[in-house]
Amino acid sequence: MHCNWRDCREWDREGLPLSTTSNEAAKLYDAAISQYVGYYDDDTFGGVTPTIEKLCQTDPDFVMGDVLANGLQLLGTGRSPLLDIRLKNSIDAMNTKATRQNLTNRESLHVRAVQLLAEGSNREACDVWNEILLDHPTDILALRLAQDSYIYLGLPTQMRDSVARVVPWWKPDLPHYGYMLGMHSFGLCETCHYDTAEIYARKGLELNRRDGWSTHTILHILDAQSRNDEGIKFLEDTIGDWRPNNRLSCHNSFHWTLYHIEKGDYEEALNVWDQYVGGRAKQTKSVYNVVDSCAVLYRLGLEGVNVGDRWKDLEALVNLHKDCLLGINDAHFLMAYMGAGKKEEGKKLIANIKDIITSSTGTNHRETAKVAMMLCEALVAYDDGDFARTVDLMWPIKYKIITLGGSEAQRDMFTQLLIQAALLSPEKRHQKIARAVVAEKKALKENSPLVDRQMQRVVALYKD
């Protein structure tokens, strides 16, 4: 793990010069980036957020400190300058600072990308980061910010290519080389190049066994190939590597529950949720962890599992993040309201999404709000027992849900919703849709116990 923090001269020697003259600021910048791209918190600094705060205090004029602070807040999906005046002021101050300094072209482009992100123009921000990478292919910050944004945009091919095109310029002795391999592997995984993706992810883990992103990619690969027992054993054997001080520990545990749900071992899935998913969400209150916690409980509900009072605790956490900033998050928050019996709160959330459709600008809101609206209405219909309406809402957006972002594993829950509703609908056409979608799933996950259970239900519908 990289920990020999680079000073100004070392950054310059690597072709990534910084406008600061403070060696301490340059080293703190390195430490902050390392924690961000590595998904870990360094106890020496108190974690990534305190590191950035100290960076900005050490050299208040160093604009890349503002780029990091604002960029990570925006990508955290829990705050928006449209609703948060402090964040808006911080972004304005960054822009003002940038105009008063002699920045490198690379730094100026970073400022521009964060401004675009703040405006909701996520695709355009990615274009700027890719422009940076054409001249500076080892700029790990541009690489990571672009990959995170592509995940939110639901653009796996662009995510894969943004990393693949810089791989030849990375040498094994460069800081963050292993993290770059993990990022490359995830792009390959999300575009179904599983064998190649696994080679790169395992190489990343050979270099750093605590690499949370490479671990995360392995979990996606094993899930996609229905290697459920292997996934469970992998997590159990390496738990000391991926859990401590790792900001992906909750999400990796989310994948742990998926293996058990696939196998039909619902009690064990709930045990993992209680220990490592829901508990982590209560501790951190992070929007990512709240979303993961909702996803597990909803998947279990689709399987007919009674999750008890667990939704009530999540509903309280959702109230901290209910500003409709990302469509896929909003859908999960609605699940929590319905699970906790707070239908009025769910209606308010849907009304907020309607307001976004009519008032917002930027690619993220403009292109996804309508899909999010139909998805949320489908979730409500399913909760009301109106399975036919659920199918009528879900079937037309089956190939549009990807625009809400997230990974293939995360979005699969909505395919499961469509299948369950179609199986339960009284309309024969919907039952044919169930048969068709389950056949699709069988072609992709031939050895999936979950798909086999669904296939048995389809066969039972057509016995007569």
Foldseek 3Di string as FASTA:
>chain_A
DDDPFFFQVRCVVLVNHFQDPDRVLSRLLRVLLCCVLQQFADVVQPGNVSSLVVSCVVPVLRLVSLLVVLLCVLLLLQDAVVPDVVSVVSLVVSVVSVVVDDGDPLSVLSNVLSVQSNQQALVVSLVSLLVSCVSVVPPVVSLVSNLSSCQQQLNLQCQLVSLVVSLVVDDPVDPCNLSSLLSNLQSCVLVPVLVVSLVSLVVSCVVPVLRQSSLVSVLSSCVLQLVLVVLLVVCVVSVVRDPPRGNCQQVSLLSNLVSCVLVVNNVVSLVSCVPGQLVVCLVPLRLVSLLSSLLSVVLVVLVVDDNDQSLVVSLVSVVSRLQPRFLSSLLSNLSSCLVNVNVVVSVVSLVNLVVLCPDGDHCRNPLCSVLSNLQSVLVVCVSVVNLVSNLVSCVVCVVVVSSSGHGPVSCVSSVSSLLSSLLSHPDPVSLVVNVVSLVVSCVSHVPGSNSVVSNVSSCVVPPD
